[in-house]
N, C-alpha and C. Protein backbone atom coordinates (compact mmCIF):
# COMPACT_ATOMS: atom_id res chain seq x y z
N UNK A 1 82.88 171.86 84.87
CA UNK A 1 83.50 171.21 85.66
C UNK A 1 82.11 171.24 86.46
N UNK A 2 81.21 172.25 86.50
CA UNK A 2 80.19 172.39 87.11
C UNK A 2 78.88 171.18 87.03
N UNK A 3 79.04 170.67 85.21
CA UNK A 3 78.23 169.40 85.05
C UNK A 3 78.31 168.41 85.96
N UNK A 4 79.75 168.14 86.15
CA UNK A 4 80.37 166.75 86.99
C UNK A 4 80.21 166.91 88.46
N UNK A 5 79.95 168.19 89.02
CA UNK A 5 79.36 168.01 90.31
C UNK A 5 78.24 168.14 90.63
N UNK A 6 77.36 168.76 89.71
CA UNK A 6 75.64 168.53 89.76
C UNK A 6 75.48 167.05 89.26
N UNK A 7 76.20 166.43 88.72
CA UNK A 7 75.66 164.81 88.03
C UNK A 7 76.12 164.19 89.49
N UNK A 8 77.57 164.32 90.00
CA UNK A 8 77.60 163.69 91.37
C UNK A 8 76.67 163.70 92.40
N UNK A 9 76.31 164.92 92.55
CA UNK A 9 75.09 165.39 93.53
C UNK A 9 73.94 164.71 93.05
N UNK A 10 73.42 164.78 92.12
CA UNK A 10 72.39 163.74 91.66
C UNK A 10 72.72 162.00 91.81
N UNK A 11 73.64 161.94 91.49
CA UNK A 11 74.12 159.91 91.84
C UNK A 11 73.81 160.01 93.17
N UNK A 12 74.62 160.94 94.07
CA UNK A 12 74.54 160.79 95.71
C UNK A 12 73.12 160.55 96.11
N UNK A 13 72.90 161.56 96.04
CA UNK A 13 71.00 161.93 96.57
C UNK A 13 70.37 160.59 95.92
N UNK A 14 70.31 160.04 94.88
CA UNK A 14 69.76 158.97 94.23
C UNK A 14 70.23 157.85 95.26
N UNK A 15 71.50 157.88 95.06
CA UNK A 15 71.89 156.76 96.11
C UNK A 15 71.56 156.60 97.59
N UNK A 16 71.65 157.71 98.09
CA UNK A 16 71.17 157.84 99.57
C UNK A 16 69.46 157.45 99.65
N UNK A 17 69.02 157.62 98.50
CA UNK A 17 67.59 157.56 98.52
C UNK A 17 67.35 155.92 98.26
N UNK A 18 68.04 155.75 97.46
CA UNK A 18 67.89 154.03 97.29
C UNK A 18 68.31 153.01 98.35
N UNK A 19 69.28 153.72 99.30
CA UNK A 19 69.68 152.55 100.15
C UNK A 19 69.13 152.88 101.50
N UNK A 20 67.93 154.16 101.58
CA UNK A 20 67.37 153.92 102.44
C UNK A 20 65.67 152.98 102.50
N UNK A 21 65.53 152.39 101.01
CA UNK A 21 64.21 151.80 100.82
C UNK A 21 64.87 150.47 101.54
N UNK A 22 63.20 149.87 101.99
CA UNK A 22 63.41 148.41 102.45
C UNK A 22 63.63 147.14 101.52
N UNK A 23 63.55 147.24 100.30
CA UNK A 23 63.89 146.28 99.41
C UNK A 23 65.45 146.57 99.18
N UNK A 24 66.24 147.18 99.45
CA UNK A 24 67.82 147.78 98.66
C UNK A 24 68.35 145.97 98.68
N UNK A 25 69.35 145.71 97.95
CA UNK A 25 70.25 144.67 98.32
C UNK A 25 71.52 145.08 98.28
N UNK A 26 71.99 146.13 98.70
CA UNK A 26 73.33 146.43 98.64
C UNK A 26 74.06 146.60 100.32
N UNK A 27 73.05 146.73 100.86
CA UNK A 27 73.60 146.63 102.54
C UNK A 27 72.51 145.64 103.16
N UNK A 28 73.20 144.94 104.36
CA UNK A 28 72.13 144.06 105.21
C UNK A 28 71.06 144.75 105.54
N UNK A 29 70.99 145.57 106.10
CA UNK A 29 69.56 146.23 106.60
C UNK A 29 70.26 147.90 105.79
N UNK A 30 68.66 148.15 105.28
CA UNK A 30 68.50 149.83 105.11
C UNK A 30 68.90 150.86 106.22
N UNK A 31 69.52 151.68 105.22
CA UNK A 31 69.61 153.15 106.42
C UNK A 31 68.47 153.52 106.98
N UNK A 32 68.38 154.27 107.89
CA UNK A 32 67.25 154.37 108.78
C UNK A 32 66.05 155.46 107.97
N UNK A 33 65.05 154.82 108.02
CA UNK A 33 64.16 155.66 107.32
C UNK A 33 64.12 157.63 107.49
N UNK A 34 64.50 157.72 108.61
CA UNK A 34 64.76 158.99 108.94
C UNK A 34 65.44 159.83 107.97
N UNK A 35 66.43 159.30 107.45
CA UNK A 35 67.49 159.96 106.26
C UNK A 35 66.71 160.28 105.14
N UNK A 36 65.22 159.71 104.84
CA UNK A 36 64.80 159.79 103.28
C UNK A 36 64.13 161.08 103.20
N UNK A 37 63.67 161.86 104.11
CA UNK A 37 63.92 163.52 104.13
C UNK A 37 64.98 163.95 103.37
N UNK A 38 66.29 163.73 104.24
CA UNK A 38 67.25 164.57 103.57
C UNK A 38 67.52 163.89 102.54
N UNK A 39 67.20 162.79 101.75
CA UNK A 39 67.81 162.09 100.63
C UNK A 39 66.96 162.93 99.60
N UNK A 40 65.64 163.32 99.86
CA UNK A 40 64.66 164.03 98.86
C UNK A 40 65.18 165.65 99.25
N UNK A 41 65.35 165.98 99.72
CA UNK A 41 66.05 167.43 100.05
C UNK A 41 67.19 167.33 98.99
N UNK A 42 68.24 166.77 99.39
CA UNK A 42 69.40 166.71 98.13
C UNK A 42 68.70 166.38 96.91
N UNK A 43 67.93 165.81 96.64
CA UNK A 43 67.31 165.57 95.08
C UNK A 43 66.79 166.75 94.50
N UNK A 44 65.83 167.35 95.73
CA UNK A 44 65.37 168.87 95.23
C UNK A 44 66.68 169.48 94.71
N UNK A 45 67.44 169.86 95.79
CA UNK A 45 68.41 170.79 95.74
C UNK A 45 69.30 170.36 94.19
N UNK A 46 69.63 168.71 94.15
CA UNK A 46 70.31 168.95 92.67
C UNK A 46 69.63 168.91 91.72
N UNK A 47 67.97 168.84 91.38
CA UNK A 47 67.21 169.14 90.36
C UNK A 47 67.45 170.80 90.59
N UNK A 48 67.55 171.54 91.51
CA UNK A 48 67.84 173.08 91.27
C UNK A 48 69.22 173.62 90.80
N UNK A 49 69.80 172.47 91.06
CA UNK A 49 71.27 173.11 90.50
C UNK A 49 71.39 172.76 88.99
N UNK A 50 70.81 171.36 88.70
CA UNK A 50 70.59 171.60 87.28
C UNK A 50 69.83 172.51 86.39
N UNK A 51 68.96 173.26 86.71
CA UNK A 51 67.98 173.93 86.37
C UNK A 51 68.90 175.13 86.42
N UNK A 52 69.32 175.50 87.21
CA UNK A 52 70.50 176.96 87.37
C UNK A 52 71.59 176.37 86.31
N UNK A 53 72.34 175.40 85.93
CA UNK A 53 73.55 175.16 85.39
C UNK A 53 73.00 175.25 83.71
N UNK A 54 71.60 174.76 83.67
CA UNK A 54 71.14 174.93 82.37
C UNK A 54 70.26 175.97 82.17
N UNK A 55 69.42 175.64 80.91
CA UNK A 55 67.94 175.82 81.06
C UNK A 55 66.97 175.47 82.09
N UNK A 56 65.96 175.89 82.26
CA UNK A 56 65.19 175.46 83.40
C UNK A 56 64.65 173.70 82.62
N UNK A 57 64.03 173.91 81.47
CA UNK A 57 63.28 172.56 81.41
C UNK A 57 64.44 171.56 80.94
N UNK A 58 65.50 172.03 79.96
CA UNK A 58 66.71 171.31 80.03
C UNK A 58 67.32 170.59 81.45
N UNK A 59 67.52 171.74 82.61
CA UNK A 59 67.81 171.24 83.41
C UNK A 59 66.75 170.12 84.62
N UNK A 60 65.84 170.71 84.30
CA UNK A 60 64.74 169.33 84.95
C UNK A 60 64.49 167.74 84.03
N UNK A 61 64.88 168.14 82.87
CA UNK A 61 64.86 166.83 82.45
C UNK A 61 66.23 165.89 82.23
N UNK A 62 67.53 166.69 82.63
CA UNK A 62 68.84 166.15 82.71
C UNK A 62 68.67 165.59 84.29
N UNK A 63 68.26 166.53 85.31
CA UNK A 63 68.24 165.60 86.54
C UNK A 63 66.97 164.63 86.22
N UNK A 64 66.20 164.62 85.83
CA UNK A 64 65.13 163.51 85.74
C UNK A 64 66.05 162.20 85.25
N UNK A 65 66.79 162.40 83.99
CA UNK A 65 67.59 161.12 83.18
C UNK A 65 68.71 160.80 83.99
N UNK A 66 69.30 161.60 84.74
CA UNK A 66 70.25 160.81 85.72
C UNK A 66 69.85 160.23 86.91
N UNK A 67 68.52 160.63 87.54
CA UNK A 67 67.40 160.06 88.46
C UNK A 67 67.48 158.79 88.04
N UNK A 68 66.80 158.60 86.60
CA UNK A 68 66.42 157.46 86.28
C UNK A 68 67.40 156.44 85.77
N UNK A 69 68.66 156.95 85.45
CA UNK A 69 69.63 156.16 85.22
C UNK A 69 70.38 155.50 86.72
N UNK A 70 70.39 156.36 87.80
CA UNK A 70 70.88 155.91 88.81
C UNK A 70 69.66 154.84 89.72
N UNK A 71 68.65 154.91 89.66
CA UNK A 71 67.87 154.15 90.14
C UNK A 71 67.59 153.09 89.49
N UNK A 72 67.60 153.00 88.08
CA UNK A 72 67.37 151.84 87.17
C UNK A 72 68.74 150.94 87.34
N UNK A 73 69.92 151.54 87.31
CA UNK A 73 71.42 150.98 87.37
C UNK A 73 71.53 150.12 88.67
N UNK A 74 70.85 150.78 89.89
CA UNK A 74 71.65 150.09 91.32
C UNK A 74 70.96 149.08 91.59
N UNK A 75 69.70 148.40 91.18
CA UNK A 75 69.34 147.43 91.38
C UNK A 75 69.94 146.26 90.49
N UNK A 76 70.48 146.49 89.30
CA UNK A 76 70.98 145.76 88.53
C UNK A 76 72.29 145.36 88.92
N UNK A 77 73.16 146.58 89.35
CA UNK A 77 74.58 146.38 89.80
C UNK A 77 74.66 145.38 91.38
N UNK A 78 73.62 145.40 92.24
CA UNK A 78 73.45 144.44 93.08
C UNK A 78 73.30 143.07 92.66
N UNK A 79 72.38 142.79 91.63
CA UNK A 79 72.35 141.48 91.42
C UNK A 79 73.78 141.38 90.57
N UNK A 80 74.32 142.22 90.10
CA UNK A 80 75.78 141.33 89.49
C UNK A 80 76.70 140.96 90.62
N UNK A 81 76.39 142.00 91.61
CA UNK A 81 77.46 141.48 92.64
C UNK A 81 77.00 140.70 93.52
N UNK A 82 75.68 140.07 93.60
CA UNK A 82 75.22 138.82 94.08
C UNK A 82 75.65 137.36 93.57
N UNK A 83 75.78 137.88 91.90
CA UNK A 83 76.27 136.77 90.97
C UNK A 83 77.42 136.44 91.36
N UNK A 84 78.46 137.65 91.31
CA UNK A 84 79.75 137.25 91.81
C UNK A 84 80.24 136.58 92.90
N UNK A 85 79.48 136.55 94.09
CA UNK A 85 79.64 136.16 95.52
C UNK A 85 79.27 134.42 95.51
N UNK A 86 78.68 134.21 94.24
CA UNK A 86 77.75 132.74 94.22
C UNK A 86 79.22 131.90 93.68
C-alpha cells in the first residue's frame, strides 16, 4: 500500500511540475510559475519517500523511473487528446 501512495505522490508531483511549464498542452494557460517550487518540494519529498520505503539506491532509481514515465507520457497523452478533438 505504501508503494501505491508513494507512486501516486510522484505522479502528482510530476503532473504539478508539468502543468507549470510554459509549453504544456493540457491547460489553455499554464499554472502560475509560483507553484513550481511547491512542485519541486513535492518531487523531493516523493524521492525521500521512495528512499524510505525501499533501499536508498533502489528508491532513488524507482523515483527517477516514475518521474521519467510521467514526464514522458504526459506530452504523448496531450497529443492523443488533441487528435481526438479533430
